[in-house]
Amino acid sequence: MIENQTRRGGFVPQGAATVAPQEWGRLEWMIAGSEGNSDVLTVGRCFIQPGRNNPVHHHPNCDEVLTVIRGRIRNRVNDDYIEMGPGDTISIPLGATHNAVNIGDEECELLIIFDTAEREVIGE
């Protein structure tokens, strides 16, 4: 028997995310253990200003899926670099060192999803 692992749930309207300002942009958290609406996932958006980048970091407890919503980035995963634009998606495995550089001239928006409700970050 497969156990249903969807726990808590809830609706997060536009503009109701928890905003975490960064010197390079901001993170917005909609779904997470800390938000009280999931025991199994973290879902957020990452906004990076033109010419800026988030720090090189890794997640010791989860995989990450990143989809570009708006703008263009150069994404580093370990020693590989890939340019991404709207609609492009990448899966970043647990422990992989990564970051993103906004290579466009507009703010980029990324949808970020983690397979844990309590994402850990080293290097951010």
PDB file of N, CA and C in Angstrom:
ATOM      1  N   MET A   1       0.841  -1.176   0.000  1.00  0.00           N
ATOM      2  CA  MET A   1       0.000   0.000   0.000  1.00  0.00           C
ATOM      3  C   MET A   1       0.887   1.241   0.000  1.00  0.00           C
ATOM      4  N   ILE A   2       0.546   2.232  -0.809  1.00  0.00           N
ATOM      5  CA  ILE A   2       1.282   3.493  -0.862  1.00  0.00           C
ATOM      6  C   ILE A   2       0.608   4.472   0.081  1.00  0.00           C
ATOM      7  N   GLU A   3       1.395   4.995   1.008  1.00  0.00           N
ATOM      8  CA  GLU A   3       0.863   5.951   1.978  1.00  0.00           C
ATOM      9  C   GLU A   3       0.801   7.341   1.362  1.00  0.00           C
ATOM     10  N   ASN A   4      -0.272   8.037   1.584  1.00  0.00           N
ATOM     11  CA  ASN A   4      -0.411   9.415   1.102  1.00  0.00           C
ATOM     12  C   ASN A   4       0.482  10.316   1.940  1.00  0.00           C
ATOM     13  N   GLN A   5       1.484  10.947   1.303  1.00  0.00           N
ATOM     14  CA  GLN A   5       2.423  11.790   2.034  1.00  0.00           C
ATOM     15  C   GLN A   5       2.080  13.272   1.936  1.00  0.00           C
ATOM     16  N   THR A   6       0.944  13.607   1.342  1.00  0.00           N
ATOM     17  CA  THR A   6       0.543  15.007   1.280  1.00  0.00           C
ATOM     18  C   THR A   6      -0.041  15.385   2.627  1.00  0.00           C
ATOM     19  N   ARG A   7       0.613  16.304   3.312  1.00  0.00           N
ATOM     20  CA  ARG A   7       0.171  16.707   4.638  1.00  0.00           C
ATOM     21  C   ARG A   7      -0.016  18.211   4.693  1.00  0.00           C
ATOM     22  N   ARG A   8      -1.013  18.628   5.392  1.00  0.00           N
ATOM     23  CA  ARG A   8      -1.379  20.016   5.680  1.00  0.00           C
ATOM     24  C   ARG A   8      -2.061  20.671   4.498  1.00  0.00           C
ATOM     25  N   GLY A   9      -1.343  21.202   3.531  1.00  0.00           N
ATOM     26  CA  GLY A   9      -1.968  21.874   2.398  1.00  0.00           C
ATOM     27  C   GLY A   9      -2.380  23.296   2.738  1.00  0.00           C
ATOM     28  N   GLY A  10      -2.914  23.970   1.755  1.00  0.00           N
ATOM     29  CA  GLY A  10      -3.364  25.334   1.963  1.00  0.00           C
ATOM     30  C   GLY A  10      -3.211  26.163   0.708  1.00  0.00           C
ATOM     31  N   PHE A  11      -3.875  27.296   0.702  1.00  0.00           N
ATOM     32  CA  PHE A  11      -3.870  28.224  -0.420  1.00  0.00           C
ATOM     33  C   PHE A  11      -3.021  29.435  -0.053  1.00  0.00           C
ATOM     34  N   VAL A  12      -2.141  29.851  -0.977  1.00  0.00           N
ATOM     35  CA  VAL A  12      -1.315  31.042  -0.765  1.00  0.00           C
ATOM     36  C   VAL A  12      -1.630  32.018  -1.895  1.00  0.00           C
ATOM     37  N   PRO A  13      -2.389  33.076  -1.616  1.00  0.00           N
ATOM     38  CA  PRO A  13      -2.732  34.026  -2.673  1.00  0.00           C
ATOM     39  C   PRO A  13      -1.533  34.861  -3.107  1.00  0.00           C
ATOM     40  N   GLN A  14      -1.618  35.395  -4.320  1.00  0.00           N
ATOM     41  CA  GLN A  14      -0.582  36.284  -4.844  1.00  0.00           C
ATOM     42  C   GLN A  14      -0.303  37.386  -3.818  1.00  0.00           C
ATOM     43  N   GLY A  15       0.971  37.630  -3.538  1.00  0.00           N
ATOM     44  CA  GLY A  15       1.363  38.694  -2.617  1.00  0.00           C
ATOM     45  C   GLY A  15       1.430  38.276  -1.164  1.00  0.00           C
ATOM     46  N   ALA A  16       1.075  37.015  -0.854  1.00  0.00           N
ATOM     47  CA  ALA A  16       1.064  36.576   0.542  1.00  0.00           C
ATOM     48  C   ALA A  16       2.294  35.762   0.928  1.00  0.00           C
ATOM     49  N   ALA A  17       3.255  35.612   0.034  1.00  0.00           N
ATOM     50  CA  ALA A  17       4.467  34.841   0.336  1.00  0.00           C
ATOM     51  C   ALA A  17       5.307  35.553   1.395  1.00  0.00           C
ATOM     52  N   THR A  18       6.097  34.772   2.122  1.00  0.00           N
ATOM     53  CA  THR A  18       7.068  35.335   3.055  1.00  0.00           C
ATOM     54  C   THR A  18       8.277  35.793   2.252  1.00  0.00           C
ATOM     55  N   VAL A  19       8.612  37.080   2.332  1.00  0.00           N
ATOM     56  CA  VAL A  19       9.692  37.665   1.530  1.00  0.00           C
ATOM     57  C   VAL A  19      10.972  37.723   2.356  1.00  0.00           C
ATOM     58  N   ALA A  20      12.065  37.221   1.762  1.00  0.00           N
ATOM     59  CA  ALA A  20      13.392  37.266   2.385  1.00  0.00           C
ATOM     60  C   ALA A  20      14.314  38.076   1.473  1.00  0.00           C
ATOM     61  N   PRO A  21      14.484  39.387   1.745  1.00  0.00           N
ATOM     62  CA  PRO A  21      15.362  40.213   0.908  1.00  0.00           C
ATOM     63  C   PRO A  21      16.809  39.712   0.949  1.00  0.00           C
ATOM     64  N   GLN A  22      17.483  39.817  -0.186  1.00  0.00           N
ATOM     65  CA  GLN A  22      18.893  39.443  -0.314  1.00  0.00           C
ATOM     66  C   GLN A  22      19.601  40.605  -0.995  1.00  0.00           C
ATOM     67  N   GLU A  23      20.917  40.709  -0.861  1.00  0.00           N
ATOM     68  CA  GLU A  23      21.621  41.812  -1.530  1.00  0.00           C
ATOM     69  C   GLU A  23      21.564  41.691  -3.047  1.00  0.00           C
ATOM     70  N   TRP A  24      21.319  40.508  -3.565  1.00  0.00           N
ATOM     71  CA  TRP A  24      21.260  40.255  -5.005  1.00  0.00           C
ATOM     72  C   TRP A  24      19.829  40.213  -5.547  1.00  0.00           C
ATOM     73  N   GLY A  25      18.836  40.226  -4.672  1.00  0.00           N
ATOM     74  CA  GLY A  25      17.432  40.117  -5.087  1.00  0.00           C
ATOM     75  C   GLY A  25      16.563  39.760  -3.903  1.00  0.00           C
ATOM     76  N   ARG A  26      15.748  38.720  -4.065  1.00  0.00           N
ATOM     77  CA  ARG A  26      14.920  38.282  -2.944  1.00  0.00           C
ATOM     78  C   ARG A  26      14.437  36.850  -3.165  1.00  0.00           C
ATOM     79  N   LEU A  27      14.081  36.204  -2.062  1.00  0.00           N
ATOM     80  CA  LEU A  27      13.426  34.908  -2.070  1.00  0.00           C
ATOM     81  C   LEU A  27      12.018  35.103  -1.532  1.00  0.00           C
ATOM     82  N   GLU A  28      11.064  34.401  -2.101  1.00  0.00           N
ATOM     83  CA  GLU A  28       9.688  34.427  -1.618  1.00  0.00           C
ATOM     84  C   GLU A  28       9.254  32.988  -1.373  1.00  0.00           C
ATOM     85  N   TRP A  29       8.810  32.701  -0.152  1.00  0.00           N
ATOM     86  CA  TRP A  29       8.427  31.342   0.228  1.00  0.00           C
ATOM     87  C   TRP A  29       6.911  31.231   0.337  1.00  0.00           C
ATOM     88  N   MET A  30       6.343  30.284  -0.414  1.00  0.00           N
ATOM     89  CA  MET A  30       4.901  30.067  -0.398  1.00  0.00           C
ATOM     90  C   MET A  30       4.521  28.796   0.360  1.00  0.00           C
ATOM     91  N   ILE A  31       5.263  27.736   0.134  1.00  0.00           N
ATOM     92  CA  ILE A  31       4.959  26.434   0.728  1.00  0.00           C
ATOM     93  C   ILE A  31       6.209  25.933   1.434  1.00  0.00           C
ATOM     94  N   ALA A  32       6.098  25.563   2.710  1.00  0.00           N
ATOM     95  CA  ALA A  32       7.251  25.044   3.465  1.00  0.00           C
ATOM     96  C   ALA A  32       6.792  24.648   4.866  1.00  0.00           C
ATOM     97  N   GLY A  33       7.612  23.882   5.528  1.00  0.00           N
ATOM     98  CA  GLY A  33       7.335  23.568   6.920  1.00  0.00           C
ATOM     99  C   GLY A  33       7.241  24.824   7.757  1.00  0.00           C
ATOM    100  N   SER A  34       8.143  25.771   7.496  1.00  0.00           N
ATOM    101  CA  SER A  34       8.152  27.029   8.251  1.00  0.00           C
ATOM    102  C   SER A  34       6.922  27.887   7.968  1.00  0.00           C
ATOM    103  N   GLU A  35       6.269  27.651   6.831  1.00  0.00           N
ATOM    104  CA  GLU A  35       5.039  28.372   6.492  1.00  0.00           C
ATOM    105  C   GLU A  35       3.810  27.687   7.091  1.00  0.00           C
ATOM    106  N   GLY A  36       4.022  26.474   7.610  1.00  0.00           N
ATOM    107  CA  GLY A  36       2.928  25.744   8.240  1.00  0.00           C
ATOM    108  C   GLY A  36       1.977  25.063   7.283  1.00  0.00           C
ATOM    109  N   ASN A  37       2.381  24.896   6.013  1.00  0.00           N
ATOM    110  CA  ASN A  37       1.453  24.316   5.049  1.00  0.00           C
ATOM    111  C   ASN A  37       1.995  23.106   4.292  1.00  0.00           C
ATOM    112  N   SER A  38       3.149  22.561   4.710  1.00  0.00           N
ATOM    113  CA  SER A  38       3.642  21.323   4.110  1.00  0.00           C
ATOM    114  C   SER A  38       4.594  20.608   5.055  1.00  0.00           C
ATOM    115  N   ASP A  39       4.513  19.290   5.026  1.00  0.00           N
ATOM    116  CA  ASP A  39       5.472  18.452   5.743  1.00  0.00           C
ATOM    117  C   ASP A  39       6.464  17.809   4.786  1.00  0.00           C
ATOM    118  N   VAL A  40       6.285  18.006   3.468  1.00  0.00           N
ATOM    119  CA  VAL A  40       7.101  17.268   2.501  1.00  0.00           C
ATOM    120  C   VAL A  40       7.738  18.109   1.399  1.00  0.00           C
ATOM    121  N   LEU A  41       7.334  19.371   1.216  1.00  0.00           N
ATOM    122  CA  LEU A  41       7.851  20.195   0.120  1.00  0.00           C
ATOM    123  C   LEU A  41       8.183  21.605   0.584  1.00  0.00           C
ATOM    124  N   THR A  42       9.074  22.250  -0.170  1.00  0.00           N
ATOM    125  CA  THR A  42       9.283  23.691  -0.085  1.00  0.00           C
ATOM    126  C   THR A  42       9.130  24.234  -1.503  1.00  0.00           C
ATOM    127  N   VAL A  43       8.317  25.277  -1.656  1.00  0.00           N
ATOM    128  CA  VAL A  43       8.102  25.910  -2.954  1.00  0.00           C
ATOM    129  C   VAL A  43       8.262  27.411  -2.779  1.00  0.00           C
ATOM    130  N   GLY A  44       9.052  28.004  -3.651  1.00  0.00           N
ATOM    131  CA  GLY A  44       9.255  29.443  -3.569  1.00  0.00           C
ATOM    132  C   GLY A  44       9.612  30.028  -4.919  1.00  0.00           C
ATOM    133  N   ARG A  45       9.896  31.324  -4.882  1.00  0.00           N
ATOM    134  CA  ARG A  45      10.377  32.025  -6.069  1.00  0.00           C
ATOM    135  C   ARG A  45      11.651  32.756  -5.694  1.00  0.00           C
ATOM    136  N   CYS A  46      12.564  32.776  -6.636  1.00  0.00           N
ATOM    137  CA  CYS A  46      13.840  33.471  -6.470  1.00  0.00           C
ATOM    138  C   CYS A  46      13.893  34.565  -7.531  1.00  0.00           C
ATOM    139  N   PHE A  47      14.164  35.794  -7.098  1.00  0.00           N
ATOM    140  CA  PHE A  47      14.283  36.933  -8.007  1.00  0.00           C
ATOM    141  C   PHE A  47      15.721  37.430  -7.942  1.00  0.00           C
ATOM    142  N   ILE A  48      16.391  37.528  -9.094  1.00  0.00           N
ATOM    143  CA  ILE A  48      17.782  37.984  -9.146  1.00  0.00           C
ATOM    144  C   ILE A  48      17.845  39.222 -10.034  1.00  0.00           C
ATOM    145  N   GLN A  49      18.479  40.264  -9.524  1.00  0.00           N
ATOM    146  CA  GLN A  49      18.599  41.527 -10.250  1.00  0.00           C
ATOM    147  C   GLN A  49      19.592  41.384 -11.414  1.00  0.00           C
ATOM    148  N   PRO A  50      19.464  42.198 -12.465  1.00  0.00           N
ATOM    149  CA  PRO A  50      20.374  42.125 -13.615  1.00  0.00           C
ATOM    150  C   PRO A  50      21.837  42.252 -13.189  1.00  0.00           C
ATOM    151  N   GLY A  51      22.665  41.359 -13.730  1.00  0.00           N
ATOM    152  CA  GLY A  51      24.093  41.385 -13.444  1.00  0.00           C
ATOM    153  C   GLY A  51      24.485  40.832 -12.090  1.00  0.00           C
ATOM    154  N   ARG A  52      23.533  40.383 -11.302  1.00  0.00           N
ATOM    155  CA  ARG A  52      23.807  39.867  -9.959  1.00  0.00           C
ATOM    156  C   ARG A  52      23.700  38.346  -9.952  1.00  0.00           C
ATOM    157  N   ASN A  53      24.155  37.749  -8.867  1.00  0.00           N
ATOM    158  CA  ASN A  53      24.062  36.305  -8.702  1.00  0.00           C
ATOM    159  C   ASN A  53      23.813  35.960  -7.245  1.00  0.00           C
ATOM    160  N   ASN A  54      23.169  34.823  -7.039  1.00  0.00           N
ATOM    161  CA  ASN A  54      23.067  34.314  -5.675  1.00  0.00           C
ATOM    162  C   ASN A  54      24.370  33.589  -5.345  1.00  0.00           C
ATOM    163  N   PRO A  55      24.703  33.418  -4.064  1.00  0.00           N
ATOM    164  CA  PRO A  55      25.979  32.795  -3.697  1.00  0.00           C
ATOM    165  C   PRO A  55      26.042  31.321  -4.117  1.00  0.00           C
ATOM    166  N   VAL A  56      27.244  30.835  -4.336  1.00  0.00           N
ATOM    167  CA  VAL A  56      27.459  29.409  -4.565  1.00  0.00           C
ATOM    168  C   VAL A  56      27.077  28.693  -3.271  1.00  0.00           C
ATOM    169  N   HIS A  57      26.241  27.666  -3.388  1.00  0.00           N
ATOM    170  CA  HIS A  57      25.748  26.963  -2.208  1.00  0.00           C
ATOM    171  C   HIS A  57      25.354  25.536  -2.581  1.00  0.00           C
ATOM    172  N   HIS A  58      24.995  24.758  -1.567  1.00  0.00           N
ATOM    173  CA  HIS A  58      24.434  23.433  -1.819  1.00  0.00           C
ATOM    174  C   HIS A  58      23.430  23.085  -0.724  1.00  0.00           C
ATOM    175  N   HIS A  59      22.635  22.062  -1.005  1.00  0.00           N
ATOM    176  CA  HIS A  59      21.607  21.602  -0.080  1.00  0.00           C
ATOM    177  C   HIS A  59      21.950  20.173   0.338  1.00  0.00           C
ATOM    178  N   PRO A  60      22.330  19.960   1.614  1.00  0.00           N
ATOM    179  CA  PRO A  60      22.734  18.633   2.052  1.00  0.00           C
ATOM    180  C   PRO A  60      21.565  17.684   2.306  1.00  0.00           C
ATOM    181  N   ASN A  61      20.330  18.189   2.249  1.00  0.00           N
ATOM    182  CA  ASN A  61      19.192  17.337   2.594  1.00  0.00           C
ATOM    183  C   ASN A  61      18.106  17.253   1.518  1.00  0.00           C
ATOM    184  N   CYS A  62      18.368  17.819   0.323  1.00  0.00           N
ATOM    185  CA  CYS A  62      17.280  17.795  -0.659  1.00  0.00           C
ATOM    186  C   CYS A  62      17.766  18.043  -2.082  1.00  0.00           C
ATOM    187  N   ASP A  63      16.960  17.566  -3.024  1.00  0.00           N
ATOM    188  CA  ASP A  63      17.097  17.926  -4.429  1.00  0.00           C
ATOM    189  C   ASP A  63      16.349  19.236  -4.648  1.00  0.00           C
ATOM    190  N   GLU A  64      16.706  19.937  -5.722  1.00  0.00           N
ATOM    191  CA  GLU A  64      16.022  21.176  -6.094  1.00  0.00           C
ATOM    192  C   GLU A  64      15.634  21.104  -7.564  1.00  0.00           C
ATOM    193  N   VAL A  65      14.455  21.586  -7.884  1.00  0.00           N
ATOM    194  CA  VAL A  65      14.035  21.766  -9.268  1.00  0.00           C
ATOM    195  C   VAL A  65      13.842  23.261  -9.473  1.00  0.00           C
ATOM    196  N   LEU A  66      14.432  23.796 -10.533  1.00  0.00           N
ATOM    197  CA  LEU A  66      14.394  25.228 -10.816  1.00  0.00           C
ATOM    198  C   LEU A  66      13.843  25.428 -12.221  1.00  0.00           C
ATOM    199  N   THR A  67      12.838  26.283 -12.360  1.00  0.00           N
ATOM    200  CA  THR A  67      12.270  26.647 -13.657  1.00  0.00           C
ATOM    201  C   THR A  67      12.361  28.153 -13.827  1.00  0.00           C
ATOM    202  N   VAL A  68      12.863  28.590 -14.978  1.00  0.00           N
ATOM    203  CA  VAL A  68      12.926  30.023 -15.266  1.00  0.00           C
ATOM    204  C   VAL A  68      11.538  30.481 -15.717  1.00  0.00           C
ATOM    205  N   ILE A  69      10.994  31.461 -15.013  1.00  0.00           N
ATOM    206  CA  ILE A  69       9.706  32.050 -15.370  1.00  0.00           C
ATOM    207  C   ILE A  69       9.914  33.267 -16.272  1.00  0.00           C
ATOM    208  N   ARG A  70      10.903  34.094 -15.905  1.00  0.00           N
ATOM    209  CA  ARG A  70      11.160  35.347 -16.638  1.00  0.00           C
ATOM    210  C   ARG A  70      12.644  35.648 -16.560  1.00  0.00           C
ATOM    211  N   GLY A  71      13.224  36.132 -17.665  1.00  0.00           N
ATOM    212  CA  GLY A  71      14.633  36.511 -17.704  1.00  0.00           C
ATOM    213  C   GLY A  71      15.532  35.399 -18.204  1.00  0.00           C
ATOM    214  N   ARG A  72      16.848  35.635 -18.091  1.00  0.00           N
ATOM    215  CA  ARG A  72      17.852  34.661 -18.541  1.00  0.00           C
ATOM    216  C   ARG A  72      18.914  34.519 -17.462  1.00  0.00           C
ATOM    217  N   ILE A  73      19.334  33.274 -17.215  1.00  0.00           N
ATOM    218  CA  ILE A  73      20.374  33.008 -16.223  1.00  0.00           C
ATOM    219  C   ILE A  73      21.441  32.091 -16.803  1.00  0.00           C
ATOM    220  N   ARG A  74      22.618  32.158 -16.196  1.00  0.00           N
ATOM    221  CA  ARG A  74      23.654  31.143 -16.404  1.00  0.00           C
ATOM    222  C   ARG A  74      23.692  30.378 -15.095  1.00  0.00           C
ATOM    223  N   ASN A  75      23.311  29.120 -15.160  1.00  0.00           N
ATOM    224  CA  ASN A  75      23.227  28.295 -13.964  1.00  0.00           C
ATOM    225  C   ASN A  75      24.458  27.403 -13.877  1.00  0.00           C
ATOM    226  N   ARG A  76      25.091  27.421 -12.727  1.00  0.00           N
ATOM    227  CA  ARG A  76      26.240  26.550 -12.478  1.00  0.00           C
ATOM    228  C   ARG A  76      25.775  25.405 -11.592  1.00  0.00           C
ATOM    229  N   VAL A  77      26.080  24.172 -12.007  1.00  0.00           N
ATOM    230  CA  VAL A  77      25.856  22.985 -11.183  1.00  0.00           C
ATOM    231  C   VAL A  77      27.157  22.208 -11.189  1.00  0.00           C
ATOM    232  N   ASN A  78      27.815  22.187 -10.027  1.00  0.00           N
ATOM    233  CA  ASN A  78      29.164  21.640  -9.899  1.00  0.00           C
ATOM    234  C   ASN A  78      30.072  22.355 -10.899  1.00  0.00           C
ATOM    235  N   ASP A  79      30.650  21.659 -11.871  1.00  0.00           N
ATOM    236  CA  ASP A  79      31.547  22.303 -12.833  1.00  0.00           C
ATOM    237  C   ASP A  79      30.892  22.551 -14.194  1.00  0.00           C
ATOM    238  N   ASP A  80      29.590  22.348 -14.278  1.00  0.00           N
ATOM    239  CA  ASP A  80      28.868  22.545 -15.536  1.00  0.00           C
ATOM    240  C   ASP A  80      28.113  23.870 -15.510  1.00  0.00           C
ATOM    241  N   TYR A  81      28.061  24.537 -16.659  1.00  0.00           N
ATOM    242  CA  TYR A  81      27.343  25.806 -16.801  1.00  0.00           C
ATOM    243  C   TYR A  81      26.339  25.665 -17.931  1.00  0.00           C
ATOM    244  N   ILE A  82      25.138  26.171 -17.708  1.00  0.00           N
ATOM    245  CA  ILE A  82      24.113  26.113 -18.745  1.00  0.00           C
ATOM    246  C   ILE A  82      23.322  27.415 -18.728  1.00  0.00           C
ATOM    247  N   GLU A  83      23.088  27.969 -19.919  1.00  0.00           N
ATOM    248  CA  GLU A  83      22.255  29.165 -20.022  1.00  0.00           C
ATOM    249  C   GLU A  83      20.804  28.725 -20.137  1.00  0.00           C
ATOM    250  N   MET A  84      19.944  29.420 -19.392  1.00  0.00           N
ATOM    251  CA  MET A  84      18.536  29.055 -19.318  1.00  0.00           C
ATOM    252  C   MET A  84      17.662  30.284 -19.534  1.00  0.00           C
ATOM    253  N   GLY A  85      16.518  30.066 -20.173  1.00  0.00           N
ATOM    254  CA  GLY A  85      15.548  31.132 -20.384  1.00  0.00           C
ATOM    255  C   GLY A  85      14.157  30.671 -19.988  1.00  0.00           C
ATOM    256  N   PRO A  86      13.152  31.495 -20.215  1.00  0.00           N
ATOM    257  CA  PRO A  86      11.788  31.185 -19.805  1.00  0.00           C
ATOM    258  C   PRO A  86      11.329  29.805 -20.275  1.00  0.00           C
ATOM    259  N   GLY A  87      10.790  29.035 -19.325  1.00  0.00           N
ATOM    260  CA  GLY A  87      10.302  27.694 -19.609  1.00  0.00           C
ATOM    261  C   GLY A  87      11.322  26.597 -19.407  1.00  0.00           C
ATOM    262  N   ASP A  88      12.615  26.947 -19.319  1.00  0.00           N
ATOM    263  CA  ASP A  88      13.649  25.933 -19.102  1.00  0.00           C
ATOM    264  C   ASP A  88      13.635  25.475 -17.643  1.00  0.00           C
ATOM    265  N   THR A  89      13.876  24.171 -17.444  1.00  0.00           N
ATOM    266  CA  THR A  89      13.855  23.565 -16.113  1.00  0.00           C
ATOM    267  C   THR A  89      15.096  22.716 -15.929  1.00  0.00           C
ATOM    268  N   ILE A  90      15.632  22.727 -14.707  1.00  0.00           N
ATOM    269  CA  ILE A  90      16.782  21.899 -14.367  1.00  0.00           C
ATOM    270  C   ILE A  90      16.548  21.245 -13.011  1.00  0.00           C
ATOM    271  N   SER A  91      17.008  20.010 -12.879  1.00  0.00           N
ATOM    272  CA  SER A  91      16.973  19.290 -11.612  1.00  0.00           C
ATOM    273  C   SER A  91      18.384  19.290 -11.034  1.00  0.00           C
ATOM    274  N   ILE A  92      18.512  19.761  -9.805  1.00  0.00           N
ATOM    275  CA  ILE A  92      19.816  19.875  -9.146  1.00  0.00           C
ATOM    276  C   ILE A  92      19.852  18.853  -8.013  1.00  0.00           C
ATOM    277  N   PRO A  93      20.744  17.854  -8.097  1.00  0.00           N
ATOM    278  CA  PRO A  93      20.731  16.798  -7.092  1.00  0.00           C
ATOM    279  C   PRO A  93      21.254  17.243  -5.725  1.00  0.00           C
ATOM    280  N   LEU A  94      20.805  16.549  -4.711  1.00  0.00           N
ATOM    281  CA  LEU A  94      21.262  16.749  -3.344  1.00  0.00           C
ATOM    282  C   LEU A  94      22.783  16.866  -3.307  1.00  0.00           C
ATOM    283  N   GLY A  95      23.292  17.879  -2.639  1.00  0.00           N
ATOM    284  CA  GLY A  95      24.726  18.054  -2.455  1.00  0.00           C
ATOM    285  C   GLY A  95      25.461  18.746  -3.586  1.00  0.00           C
ATOM    286  N   ALA A  96      24.812  18.966  -4.733  1.00  0.00           N
ATOM    287  CA  ALA A  96      25.490  19.612  -5.866  1.00  0.00           C
ATOM    288  C   ALA A  96      25.688  21.100  -5.578  1.00  0.00           C
ATOM    289  N   THR A  97      26.905  21.585  -5.795  1.00  0.00           N
ATOM    290  CA  THR A  97      27.210  23.004  -5.632  1.00  0.00           C
ATOM    291  C   THR A  97      26.620  23.758  -6.818  1.00  0.00           C
ATOM    292  N   HIS A  98      25.892  24.850  -6.533  1.00  0.00           N
ATOM    293  CA  HIS A  98      25.226  25.560  -7.625  1.00  0.00           C
ATOM    294  C   HIS A  98      24.976  27.021  -7.281  1.00  0.00           C
ATOM    295  N   ASN A  99      24.731  27.794  -8.320  1.00  0.00           N
ATOM    296  CA  ASN A  99      24.242  29.168  -8.201  1.00  0.00           C
ATOM    297  C   ASN A  99      23.778  29.634  -9.567  1.00  0.00           C
ATOM    298  N   ALA A 100      23.143  30.810  -9.590  1.00  0.00           N
ATOM    299  CA  ALA A 100      22.622  31.367 -10.838  1.00  0.00           C
ATOM    300  C   ALA A 100      23.065  32.814 -10.971  1.00  0.00           C
ATOM    301  N   VAL A 101      23.425  33.198 -12.203  1.00  0.00           N
ATOM    302  CA  VAL A 101      23.797  34.576 -12.531  1.00  0.00           C
ATOM    303  C   VAL A 101      22.753  35.108 -13.508  1.00  0.00           C
ATOM    304  N   ASN A 102      22.209  36.270 -13.221  1.00  0.00           N
ATOM    305  CA  ASN A 102      21.275  36.906 -14.145  1.00  0.00           C
ATOM    306  C   ASN A 102      22.090  37.525 -15.273  1.00  0.00           C
ATOM    307  N   ILE A 103      21.974  36.967 -16.486  1.00  0.00           N
ATOM    308  CA  ILE A 103      22.756  37.452 -17.628  1.00  0.00           C
ATOM    309  C   ILE A 103      21.928  38.360 -18.535  1.00  0.00           C
ATOM    310  N   GLY A 104      20.717  38.671 -18.119  1.00  0.00           N
ATOM    311  CA  GLY A 104      19.859  39.548 -18.908  1.00  0.00           C
ATOM    312  C   GLY A 104      19.857  40.964 -18.364  1.00  0.00           C
ATOM    313  N   ASP A 105      18.992  41.792 -18.926  1.00  0.00           N
ATOM    314  CA  ASP A 105      18.909  43.176 -18.467  1.00  0.00           C
ATOM    315  C   ASP A 105      17.578  43.467 -17.778  1.00  0.00           C
ATOM    316  N   GLU A 106      16.895  42.413 -17.339  1.00  0.00           N
ATOM    317  CA  GLU A 106      15.691  42.557 -16.525  1.00  0.00           C
ATOM    318  C   GLU A 106      15.805  41.618 -15.328  1.00  0.00           C
ATOM    319  N   GLU A 107      15.028  41.898 -14.291  1.00  0.00           N
ATOM    320  CA  GLU A 107      14.992  41.003 -13.141  1.00  0.00           C
ATOM    321  C   GLU A 107      14.551  39.623 -13.616  1.00  0.00           C
ATOM    322  N   CYS A 108      15.216  38.571 -13.146  1.00  0.00           N
ATOM    323  CA  CYS A 108      14.773  37.229 -13.503  1.00  0.00           C
ATOM    324  C   CYS A 108      13.947  36.657 -12.356  1.00  0.00           C
ATOM    325  N   GLU A 109      13.020  35.808 -12.713  1.00  0.00           N
ATOM    326  CA  GLU A 109      12.145  35.146 -11.749  1.00  0.00           C
ATOM    327  C   GLU A 109      12.267  33.649 -11.959  1.00  0.00           C
ATOM    328  N   LEU A 110      12.545  32.928 -10.884  1.00  0.00           N
ATOM    329  CA  LEU A 110      12.729  31.487 -10.930  1.00  0.00           C
ATOM    330  C   LEU A 110      11.750  30.827  -9.970  1.00  0.00           C
ATOM    331  N   LEU A 111      11.103  29.765 -10.393  1.00  0.00           N
ATOM    332  CA  LEU A 111      10.310  28.933  -9.502  1.00  0.00           C
ATOM    333  C   LEU A 111      11.249  27.875  -8.951  1.00  0.00           C
ATOM    334  N   ILE A 112      11.300  27.726  -7.621  1.00  0.00           N
ATOM    335  CA  ILE A 112      12.204  26.755  -7.003  1.00  0.00           C
ATOM    336  C   ILE A 112      11.398  25.816  -6.108  1.00  0.00           C
ATOM    337  N   ILE A 113      11.670  24.516  -6.260  1.00  0.00           N
ATOM    338  CA  ILE A 113      10.940  23.485  -5.527  1.00  0.00           C
ATOM    339  C   ILE A 113      11.955  22.518  -4.929  1.00  0.00           C
ATOM    340  N   PHE A 114      11.749  22.166  -3.670  1.00  0.00           N
ATOM    341  CA  PHE A 114      12.639  21.262  -2.944  1.00  0.00           C
ATOM    342  C   PHE A 114      11.822  20.097  -2.401  1.00  0.00           C
ATOM    343  N   ASP A 115      12.433  18.905  -2.366  1.00  0.00           N
ATOM    344  CA  ASP A 115      11.716  17.717  -1.917  1.00  0.00           C
ATOM    345  C   ASP A 115      11.808  17.506  -0.403  1.00  0.00           C
ATOM    346  N   THR A 116      11.773  18.598   0.335  1.00  0.00           N
ATOM    347  CA  THR A 116      11.704  18.567   1.791  1.00  0.00           C
ATOM    348  C   THR A 116      10.977  19.820   2.263  1.00  0.00           C
ATOM    349  N   ALA A 117      10.336  19.728   3.399  1.00  0.00           N
ATOM    350  CA  ALA A 117       9.661  20.900   3.967  1.00  0.00           C
ATOM    351  C   ALA A 117      10.634  21.797   4.722  1.00  0.00           C
ATOM    352  N   GLU A 118      11.820  21.272   5.025  1.00  0.00           N
ATOM    353  CA  GLU A 118      12.827  22.021   5.795  1.00  0.00           C
ATOM    354  C   GLU A 118      14.147  22.037   5.032  1.00  0.00           C
ATOM    355  N   ARG A 119      14.226  22.865   4.017  1.00  0.00           N
ATOM    356  CA  ARG A 119      15.412  22.975   3.163  1.00  0.00           C
ATOM    357  C   ARG A 119      16.595  23.482   3.980  1.00  0.00           C
ATOM    358  N   GLU A 120      17.732  22.811   3.832  1.00  0.00           N
ATOM    359  CA  GLU A 120      18.976  23.259   4.460  1.00  0.00           C
ATOM    360  C   GLU A 120      19.890  23.818   3.380  1.00  0.00           C
ATOM    361  N   VAL A 121      20.645  24.860   3.735  1.00  0.00           N
ATOM    362  CA  VAL A 121      21.538  25.524   2.782  1.00  0.00           C
ATOM    363  C   VAL A 121      22.901  25.686   3.427  1.00  0.00           C
ATOM    364  N   ILE A 122      23.944  25.346   2.689  1.00  0.00           N
ATOM    365  CA  ILE A 122      25.317  25.600   3.132  1.00  0.00           C
ATOM    366  C   ILE A 122      25.966  26.486   2.083  1.00  0.00           C
ATOM    367  N   GLY A 123      26.477  27.642   2.528  1.00  0.00           N
ATOM    368  CA  GLY A 123      27.180  28.552   1.637  1.00  0.00           C
ATOM    369  C   GLY A 123      26.384  29.757   1.210  1.00  0.00           C
ATOM    370  N   GLU A 124      25.152  29.872   1.642  1.00  0.00           N
ATOM    371  CA  GLU A 124      24.327  31.016   1.226  1.00  0.00           C
ATOM    372  C   GLU A 124      24.437  32.137   2.240  1.00  0.00           C
TER     373      GLU A 124
END
